[in-house]
Amino acid sequence: MEEMRLQKFLAECGVASRRKCEQLIQQGKIKVNGVIVTELGTKVTPKKDTIIYNGKKLEIENNFVYILLNKPIGYVTTAKDQFNRDTVLDLIKIKQRIVPVGRLDMYTSGALLLTNDGQFVYKITHPKHEIEKTYNATVSGIVTNKDIEKLQQGVQIENYKTKPAKAKILKIDKEKNISRIQIIIHEGKNRQVRKMCEAIGKKVVALHRSKIGSIDVNDLELGKWRYLTTKEVQSLIQTNK
């Protein structure tokens, strides 16, 4: 196998996303041939060099798995939580070491991908790739057509303006003074949908991601998971070409 950057090797071993792997290197948590390395320019040759993380020798997985989870509320999207909260990996018991592809905050439910394929993680999460994510949000107050137009045009959030989104009203309940809307985005800013709703003066009371690309969780109960089909994996990868 040819020489490659250390962070790419770590990602392909399923340790974490490439960006997170860069942080692990800089934090001095990776050993190459018995020596701690902290330089992001470090290159390694798989099968020849010995790379250690968390006391274990790493090797690139040949048997990749791709999983779709319908995440319940109350679980954090991380491999290990410093506060010992329940993580999404507590819901999936398989022998392979997998990592979440992107994030859903603790109080958001819905579609979440997990895999041990570092290249897949990179392709799905990198900003230059525009995979649509569909969210259904229940918000306090009555959403107007003008509010929807603002979301469609992009709204100001902190120091940036969101890219135009697809948005529509799903249901209005005047008696309870709540609205249900659908927002489709391809960005991945932290808590973006919640902040977009705040930008139009509405607070999210419930948020669910129903779909990533063309893959939805309609047939999955909350807390349940399934393997993606080869066709589904290809549909996500091809979206990035």
C-alpha atoms as a PDB file:
ATOM      1  CA  MET A   1       0.000   0.000   0.000  1.00  0.00           C
ATOM      2  CA  GLU A   2       1.282   3.473  -0.889  1.00  0.00           C
ATOM      3  CA  GLU A   3       2.402   6.146   1.548  1.00  0.00           C
ATOM      4  CA  MET A   4      -0.378   8.403   2.841  1.00  0.00           C
ATOM      5  CA  ARG A   5      -0.908  11.211   5.317  1.00  0.00           C
ATOM      6  CA  LEU A   6      -1.383  10.009   8.881  1.00  0.00           C
ATOM      7  CA  GLN A   7      -4.774  11.694   9.319  1.00  0.00           C
ATOM      8  CA  LYS A   8      -6.090   9.984   6.194  1.00  0.00           C
ATOM      9  CA  PHE A   9      -4.834   6.609   7.454  1.00  0.00           C
ATOM     10  CA  LEU A  10      -6.538   7.155  10.826  1.00  0.00           C
ATOM     11  CA  ALA A  11      -9.798   8.120   9.135  1.00  0.00           C
ATOM     12  CA  GLU A  12      -9.701   5.072   6.883  1.00  0.00           C
ATOM     13  CA  CYS A  13      -9.197   2.912   9.977  1.00  0.00           C
ATOM     14  CA  GLY A  14     -12.500   4.301  11.257  1.00  0.00           C
ATOM     15  CA  VAL A  15     -10.976   6.215  14.184  1.00  0.00           C
ATOM     16  CA  ALA A  16     -12.931   9.397  13.448  1.00  0.00           C
ATOM     17  CA  SER A  17     -13.480  11.992  10.737  1.00  0.00           C
ATOM     18  CA  ARG A  18     -10.331  13.324   9.089  1.00  0.00           C
ATOM     19  CA  ARG A  19     -10.713  16.662  10.862  1.00  0.00           C
ATOM     20  CA  LYS A  20     -11.029  14.963  14.255  1.00  0.00           C
ATOM     21  CA  CYS A  21      -8.030  12.760  13.444  1.00  0.00           C
ATOM     22  CA  GLU A  22      -5.971  15.890  12.820  1.00  0.00           C
ATOM     23  CA  GLN A  23      -6.869  17.046  16.329  1.00  0.00           C
ATOM     24  CA  LEU A  24      -5.841  13.690  17.800  1.00  0.00           C
ATOM     25  CA  ILE A  25      -2.453  13.991  16.096  1.00  0.00           C
ATOM     26  CA  GLN A  26      -1.909  17.532  17.367  1.00  0.00           C
ATOM     27  CA  GLN A  27      -2.877  16.390  20.880  1.00  0.00           C
ATOM     28  CA  GLY A  28      -0.089  13.797  20.794  1.00  0.00           C
ATOM     29  CA  LYS A  29      -2.388  10.793  20.974  1.00  0.00           C
ATOM     30  CA  ILE A  30      -0.903   8.882  18.038  1.00  0.00           C
ATOM     31  CA  LYS A  31       2.321   6.855  17.982  1.00  0.00           C
ATOM     32  CA  VAL A  32       4.129   5.894  14.787  1.00  0.00           C
ATOM     33  CA  ASN A  33       6.752   3.199  15.202  1.00  0.00           C
ATOM     34  CA  GLY A  34       6.844   3.848  18.944  1.00  0.00           C
ATOM     35  CA  VAL A  35       7.206   7.615  18.681  1.00  0.00           C
ATOM     36  CA  ILE A  36       4.479  10.186  19.438  1.00  0.00           C
ATOM     37  CA  VAL A  37       3.891  12.413  16.407  1.00  0.00           C
ATOM     38  CA  THR A  38       2.154  15.779  16.364  1.00  0.00           C
ATOM     39  CA  GLU A  39       2.871  17.048  12.843  1.00  0.00           C
ATOM     40  CA  LEU A  40      -0.051  16.971  10.402  1.00  0.00           C
ATOM     41  CA  GLY A  41       2.365  16.489   7.517  1.00  0.00           C
ATOM     42  CA  THR A  42       3.460  13.094   8.850  1.00  0.00           C
ATOM     43  CA  LYS A  43       3.175  10.325   6.266  1.00  0.00           C
ATOM     44  CA  VAL A  44       2.940   6.597   6.920  1.00  0.00           C
ATOM     45  CA  THR A  45       3.033   3.417   4.884  1.00  0.00           C
ATOM     46  CA  PRO A  46       0.286   0.985   5.937  1.00  0.00           C
ATOM     47  CA  LYS A  47       1.458  -2.638   6.467  1.00  0.00           C
ATOM     48  CA  LYS A  48       4.996  -1.314   7.004  1.00  0.00           C
ATOM     49  CA  ASP A  49       4.651   1.283   9.784  1.00  0.00           C
ATOM     50  CA  THR A  50       3.115   0.527  13.195  1.00  0.00           C
ATOM     51  CA  ILE A  51       0.488   3.106  14.174  1.00  0.00           C
ATOM     52  CA  ILE A  52      -0.905   3.001  17.719  1.00  0.00           C
ATOM     53  CA  TYR A  53      -3.975   4.785  19.109  1.00  0.00           C
ATOM     54  CA  ASN A  54      -5.427   4.109  22.561  1.00  0.00           C
ATOM     55  CA  GLY A  55      -2.935   1.292  23.011  1.00  0.00           C
ATOM     56  CA  LYS A  56      -4.116  -0.567  19.910  1.00  0.00           C
ATOM     57  CA  LYS A  57      -2.404  -1.155  16.591  1.00  0.00           C
ATOM     58  CA  LEU A  58      -4.459   0.246  13.754  1.00  0.00           C
ATOM     59  CA  GLU A  59      -5.096  -1.379  10.414  1.00  0.00           C
ATOM     60  CA  ILE A  60      -7.332  -0.258   7.586  1.00  0.00           C
ATOM     61  CA  GLU A  61     -10.563  -2.232   7.606  1.00  0.00           C
ATOM     62  CA  ASN A  62     -11.293  -4.151   4.433  1.00  0.00           C
ATOM     63  CA  ASN A  63     -14.826  -5.017   5.460  1.00  0.00           C
ATOM     64  CA  PHE A  64     -16.626  -1.689   5.558  1.00  0.00           C
ATOM     65  CA  VAL A  65     -20.070  -1.373   7.115  1.00  0.00           C
ATOM     66  CA  TYR A  66     -22.578   1.423   6.571  1.00  0.00           C
ATOM     67  CA  ILE A  67     -25.398   1.851   9.062  1.00  0.00           C
ATOM     68  CA  LEU A  68     -28.523   4.001   9.255  1.00  0.00           C
ATOM     69  CA  LEU A  69     -29.795   4.729  12.775  1.00  0.00           C
ATOM     70  CA  ASN A  70     -33.046   6.409  13.743  1.00  0.00           C
ATOM     71  CA  LYS A  71     -31.551   8.270  16.681  1.00  0.00           C
ATOM     72  CA  PRO A  72     -33.767   8.873  19.715  1.00  0.00           C
ATOM     73  CA  ILE A  73     -33.635  12.032  21.816  1.00  0.00           C
ATOM     74  CA  GLY A  74     -31.259  11.801  24.765  1.00  0.00           C
ATOM     75  CA  TYR A  75     -28.259  10.231  23.021  1.00  0.00           C
ATOM     76  CA  VAL A  76     -25.124  12.172  22.126  1.00  0.00           C
ATOM     77  CA  THR A  77     -23.515  11.730  18.722  1.00  0.00           C
ATOM     78  CA  THR A  78     -20.014  10.715  19.688  1.00  0.00           C
ATOM     79  CA  ALA A  79     -18.006   7.544  20.166  1.00  0.00           C
ATOM     80  CA  LYS A  80     -17.276   8.332  23.824  1.00  0.00           C
ATOM     81  CA  ASP A  81     -18.728  11.036  26.066  1.00  0.00           C
ATOM     82  CA  GLN A  82     -16.669  12.754  28.754  1.00  0.00           C
ATOM     83  CA  PHE A  83     -19.775  13.144  30.931  1.00  0.00           C
ATOM     84  CA  ASN A  84     -20.731   9.451  30.639  1.00  0.00           C
ATOM     85  CA  ARG A  85     -23.978  10.236  28.836  1.00  0.00           C
ATOM     86  CA  ASP A  86     -25.580   7.628  26.593  1.00  0.00           C
ATOM     87  CA  THR A  87     -24.059   7.695  23.102  1.00  0.00           C
ATOM     88  CA  VAL A  88     -25.416   6.495  19.775  1.00  0.00           C
ATOM     89  CA  LEU A  89     -22.905   3.636  19.859  1.00  0.00           C
ATOM     90  CA  ASP A  90     -24.749   2.221  22.877  1.00  0.00           C
ATOM     91  CA  LEU A  91     -27.583   1.438  20.458  1.00  0.00           C
ATOM     92  CA  ILE A  92     -25.462  -0.490  17.940  1.00  0.00           C
ATOM     93  CA  LYS A  93     -23.682  -3.642  19.060  1.00  0.00           C
ATOM     94  CA  ILE A  94     -21.440  -4.944  16.301  1.00  0.00           C
ATOM     95  CA  LYS A  95     -17.829  -6.166  16.289  1.00  0.00           C
ATOM     96  CA  GLN A  96     -16.542  -3.440  13.971  1.00  0.00           C
ATOM     97  CA  ARG A  97     -15.467  -0.108  15.422  1.00  0.00           C
ATOM     98  CA  ILE A  98     -17.682   2.535  13.838  1.00  0.00           C
ATOM     99  CA  VAL A  99     -18.006   6.304  14.095  1.00  0.00           C
ATOM    100  CA  PRO A 100     -20.909   8.696  13.458  1.00  0.00           C
ATOM    101  CA  VAL A 101     -20.970  10.516  10.124  1.00  0.00           C
ATOM    102  CA  GLY A 102     -21.584  14.098  11.190  1.00  0.00           C
ATOM    103  CA  ARG A 103     -23.703  14.995  14.210  1.00  0.00           C
ATOM    104  CA  LEU A 104     -27.188  15.377  15.605  1.00  0.00           C
ATOM    105  CA  ASP A 105     -27.493  17.235  18.883  1.00  0.00           C
ATOM    106  CA  MET A 106     -28.706  15.420  21.979  1.00  0.00           C
ATOM    107  CA  TYR A 107     -32.256  16.736  21.663  1.00  0.00           C
ATOM    108  CA  THR A 108     -32.683  16.039  17.940  1.00  0.00           C
ATOM    109  CA  SER A 109     -33.933  12.677  16.702  1.00  0.00           C
ATOM    110  CA  GLY A 110     -33.739  11.018  13.317  1.00  0.00           C
ATOM    111  CA  ALA A 111     -31.443   9.855  10.540  1.00  0.00           C
ATOM    112  CA  LEU A 112     -27.795   9.317  11.443  1.00  0.00           C
ATOM    113  CA  LEU A 113     -25.187   7.409   9.450  1.00  0.00           C
ATOM    114  CA  LEU A 114     -22.354   5.425  11.044  1.00  0.00           C
ATOM    115  CA  THR A 115     -19.474   3.591   9.390  1.00  0.00           C
ATOM    116  CA  ASN A 116     -15.894   2.347   9.642  1.00  0.00           C
ATOM    117  CA  ASP A 117     -15.054   3.759   6.197  1.00  0.00           C
ATOM    118  CA  GLY A 118     -13.034   6.931   6.726  1.00  0.00           C
ATOM    119  CA  GLN A 119     -13.227   7.966   3.083  1.00  0.00           C
ATOM    120  CA  PHE A 120     -17.016   7.726   3.216  1.00  0.00           C
ATOM    121  CA  VAL A 121     -17.076   9.961   6.314  1.00  0.00           C
ATOM    122  CA  TYR A 122     -14.915  12.505   4.503  1.00  0.00           C
ATOM    123  CA  LYS A 123     -17.079  12.523   1.385  1.00  0.00           C
ATOM    124  CA  ILE A 124     -20.321  12.938   3.328  1.00  0.00           C
ATOM    125  CA  THR A 125     -19.175  15.598   5.806  1.00  0.00           C
ATOM    126  CA  HIS A 126     -16.786  17.818   3.835  1.00  0.00           C
ATOM    127  CA  PRO A 127     -18.314  21.287   3.158  1.00  0.00           C
ATOM    128  CA  LYS A 128     -17.646  21.080  -0.597  1.00  0.00           C
ATOM    129  CA  HIS A 129     -20.081  18.166  -0.892  1.00  0.00           C
ATOM    130  CA  GLU A 130     -23.724  19.144  -0.910  1.00  0.00           C
ATOM    131  CA  ILE A 131     -25.885  16.290   0.368  1.00  0.00           C
ATOM    132  CA  GLU A 132     -29.368  17.420   1.317  1.00  0.00           C
ATOM    133  CA  LYS A 133     -30.625  16.768   4.835  1.00  0.00           C
ATOM    134  CA  THR A 134     -34.343  16.988   5.519  1.00  0.00           C
ATOM    135  CA  TYR A 135     -35.593  18.205   8.893  1.00  0.00           C
ATOM    136  CA  ASN A 136     -39.118  18.412  10.295  1.00  0.00           C
ATOM    137  CA  ALA A 137     -39.365  21.044  13.011  1.00  0.00           C
ATOM    138  CA  THR A 138     -42.203  21.847  15.385  1.00  0.00           C
ATOM    139  CA  VAL A 139     -41.918  25.462  16.480  1.00  0.00           C
ATOM    140  CA  SER A 140     -43.785  27.742  18.827  1.00  0.00           C
ATOM    141  CA  GLY A 141     -45.935  30.384  17.149  1.00  0.00           C
ATOM    142  CA  ILE A 142     -47.534  30.614  13.729  1.00  0.00           C
ATOM    143  CA  VAL A 143     -45.166  30.446  10.758  1.00  0.00           C
ATOM    144  CA  THR A 144     -46.152  32.676   7.838  1.00  0.00           C
ATOM    145  CA  ASN A 145     -45.369  32.464   4.138  1.00  0.00           C
ATOM    146  CA  LYS A 146     -43.079  35.449   4.664  1.00  0.00           C
ATOM    147  CA  ASP A 147     -41.115  33.451   7.258  1.00  0.00           C
ATOM    148  CA  ILE A 148     -40.757  30.602   4.771  1.00  0.00           C
ATOM    149  CA  GLU A 149     -39.494  33.001   2.109  1.00  0.00           C
ATOM    150  CA  LYS A 150     -36.800  34.222   4.504  1.00  0.00           C
ATOM    151  CA  LEU A 151     -35.609  30.649   5.093  1.00  0.00           C
ATOM    152  CA  GLN A 152     -35.609  30.018   1.359  1.00  0.00           C
ATOM    153  CA  GLN A 153     -33.485  33.099   0.720  1.00  0.00           C
ATOM    154  CA  GLY A 154     -31.069  32.487   3.615  1.00  0.00           C
ATOM    155  CA  VAL A 155     -31.059  34.031   7.082  1.00  0.00           C
ATOM    156  CA  GLN A 156     -28.383  35.702   9.161  1.00  0.00           C
ATOM    157  CA  ILE A 157     -27.037  33.501  11.969  1.00  0.00           C
ATOM    158  CA  GLU A 158     -24.345  35.001  14.184  1.00  0.00           C
ATOM    159  CA  ASN A 159     -21.518  35.881  11.758  1.00  0.00           C
ATOM    160  CA  TYR A 160     -22.748  34.141   8.637  1.00  0.00           C
ATOM    161  CA  LYS A 161     -25.736  33.929   6.324  1.00  0.00           C
ATOM    162  CA  THR A 162     -27.160  30.518   5.544  1.00  0.00           C
ATOM    163  CA  LYS A 163     -27.352  29.360   1.974  1.00  0.00           C
ATOM    164  CA  PRO A 164     -30.840  29.273   0.409  1.00  0.00           C
ATOM    165  CA  ALA A 165     -32.863  26.387   1.842  1.00  0.00           C
ATOM    166  CA  LYS A 166     -35.906  24.496   0.705  1.00  0.00           C
ATOM    167  CA  ALA A 167     -38.683  25.134   3.191  1.00  0.00           C
ATOM    168  CA  LYS A 168     -42.431  24.683   3.492  1.00  0.00           C
ATOM    169  CA  ILE A 169     -45.227  24.667   6.048  1.00  0.00           C
ATOM    170  CA  LEU A 170     -46.465  21.183   6.937  1.00  0.00           C
ATOM    171  CA  LYS A 171     -49.127  22.060   9.514  1.00  0.00           C
ATOM    172  CA  ILE A 172     -50.460  25.014  11.477  1.00  0.00           C
ATOM    173  CA  ASP A 173     -52.222  24.528  14.829  1.00  0.00           C
ATOM    174  CA  LYS A 174     -53.660  27.897  15.834  1.00  0.00           C
ATOM    175  CA  GLU A 175     -55.317  26.448  18.933  1.00  0.00           C
ATOM    176  CA  LYS A 176     -51.978  25.230  20.352  1.00  0.00           C
ATOM    177  CA  ASN A 177     -50.086  28.127  18.745  1.00  0.00           C
ATOM    178  CA  ILE A 178     -47.521  25.868  17.092  1.00  0.00           C
ATOM    179  CA  SER A 179     -46.406  25.190  13.534  1.00  0.00           C
ATOM    180  CA  ARG A 180     -44.750  22.247  11.825  1.00  0.00           C
ATOM    181  CA  ILE A 181     -42.347  23.053   9.014  1.00  0.00           C
ATOM    182  CA  GLN A 182     -39.911  21.193   6.786  1.00  0.00           C
ATOM    183  CA  ILE A 183     -36.437  22.573   6.103  1.00  0.00           C
ATOM    184  CA  ILE A 184     -33.972  21.001   3.660  1.00  0.00           C
ATOM    185  CA  ILE A 185     -30.339  22.131   3.854  1.00  0.00           C
ATOM    186  CA  HIS A 186     -26.969  20.877   2.643  1.00  0.00           C
ATOM    187  CA  GLU A 187     -24.848  22.821   5.111  1.00  0.00           C
ATOM    188  CA  GLY A 188     -23.812  21.354   8.447  1.00  0.00           C
ATOM    189  CA  LYS A 189     -23.335  24.218  10.876  1.00  0.00           C
ATOM    190  CA  ASN A 190     -23.750  23.491  14.586  1.00  0.00           C
ATOM    191  CA  ARG A 191     -27.466  23.522  15.572  1.00  0.00           C
ATOM    192  CA  GLN A 192     -28.170  25.236  12.259  1.00  0.00           C
ATOM    193  CA  VAL A 193     -31.878  24.433  11.881  1.00  0.00           C
ATOM    194  CA  ARG A 194     -32.619  25.586  15.419  1.00  0.00           C
ATOM    195  CA  LYS A 195     -30.757  28.838  14.779  1.00  0.00           C
ATOM    196  CA  MET A 196     -32.527  29.328  11.448  1.00  0.00           C
ATOM    197  CA  CYS A 197     -35.872  29.083  13.205  1.00  0.00           C
ATOM    198  CA  GLU A 198     -34.715  31.532  15.866  1.00  0.00           C
ATOM    199  CA  ALA A 199     -33.764  33.917  13.041  1.00  0.00           C
ATOM    200  CA  ILE A 200     -37.433  34.095  12.007  1.00  0.00           C
ATOM    201  CA  GLY A 201     -38.534  34.518  15.614  1.00  0.00           C
ATOM    202  CA  LYS A 202     -39.600  30.927  16.274  1.00  0.00           C
ATOM    203  CA  LYS A 203     -38.306  28.531  18.938  1.00  0.00           C
ATOM    204  CA  VAL A 204     -37.962  24.848  18.079  1.00  0.00           C
ATOM    205  CA  VAL A 205     -39.836  22.569  20.481  1.00  0.00           C
ATOM    206  CA  ALA A 206     -39.148  19.333  18.562  1.00  0.00           C
ATOM    207  CA  LEU A 207     -36.713  18.521  15.766  1.00  0.00           C
ATOM    208  CA  HIS A 208     -36.375  15.373  13.658  1.00  0.00           C
ATOM    209  CA  ARG A 209     -34.081  14.650  10.712  1.00  0.00           C
ATOM    210  CA  SER A 210     -36.145  12.447   8.453  1.00  0.00           C
ATOM    211  CA  LYS A 211     -33.779  12.021   5.524  1.00  0.00           C
ATOM    212  CA  ILE A 212     -30.144  12.181   4.395  1.00  0.00           C
ATOM    213  CA  GLY A 213     -29.971  12.442   0.626  1.00  0.00           C
ATOM    214  CA  SER A 214     -32.648  10.038  -0.592  1.00  0.00           C
ATOM    215  CA  ILE A 215     -32.352   7.751   2.454  1.00  0.00           C
ATOM    216  CA  ASP A 216     -35.082   8.117   5.054  1.00  0.00           C
ATOM    217  CA  VAL A 217     -35.927   6.547   8.421  1.00  0.00           C
ATOM    218  CA  ASN A 218     -39.657   6.207   7.800  1.00  0.00           C
ATOM    219  CA  ASP A 219     -39.552   2.414   8.247  1.00  0.00           C
ATOM    220  CA  LEU A 220     -37.238   2.448  11.274  1.00  0.00           C
ATOM    221  CA  GLU A 221     -38.491   2.732  14.839  1.00  0.00           C
ATOM    222  CA  LEU A 222     -36.669   5.196  17.083  1.00  0.00           C
ATOM    223  CA  GLY A 223     -33.559   3.529  18.461  1.00  0.00           C
ATOM    224  CA  LYS A 224     -33.429   0.920  15.697  1.00  0.00           C
ATOM    225  CA  TRP A 225     -30.833   0.612  12.944  1.00  0.00           C
ATOM    226  CA  ARG A 226     -30.132  -1.237   9.720  1.00  0.00           C
ATOM    227  CA  TYR A 227     -27.319  -1.684   7.223  1.00  0.00           C
ATOM    228  CA  LEU A 228     -27.409   0.465   4.098  1.00  0.00           C
ATOM    229  CA  THR A 229     -27.718  -1.375   0.817  1.00  0.00           C
ATOM    230  CA  THR A 230     -24.939  -1.118  -1.765  1.00  0.00           C
ATOM    231  CA  LYS A 231     -27.292   0.954  -3.900  1.00  0.00           C
ATOM    232  CA  GLU A 232     -27.882   3.408  -1.037  1.00  0.00           C
ATOM    233  CA  VAL A 233     -24.158   3.787  -0.355  1.00  0.00           C
ATOM    234  CA  GLN A 234     -23.526   4.448  -4.034  1.00  0.00           C
ATOM    235  CA  SER A 235     -26.332   7.002  -4.165  1.00  0.00           C
ATOM    236  CA  LEU A 236     -24.626   9.026  -1.431  1.00  0.00           C
ATOM    237  CA  ILE A 237     -21.177   8.761  -2.962  1.00  0.00           C
ATOM    238  CA  GLN A 238     -22.401   9.645  -6.443  1.00  0.00           C
ATOM    239  CA  THR A 239     -24.096  12.741  -5.060  1.00  0.00           C
ATOM    240  CA  ASN A 240     -20.593  14.018  -4.307  1.00  0.00           C
ATOM    241  CA  LYS A 241     -19.165  13.628  -7.804  1.00  0.00           C
END
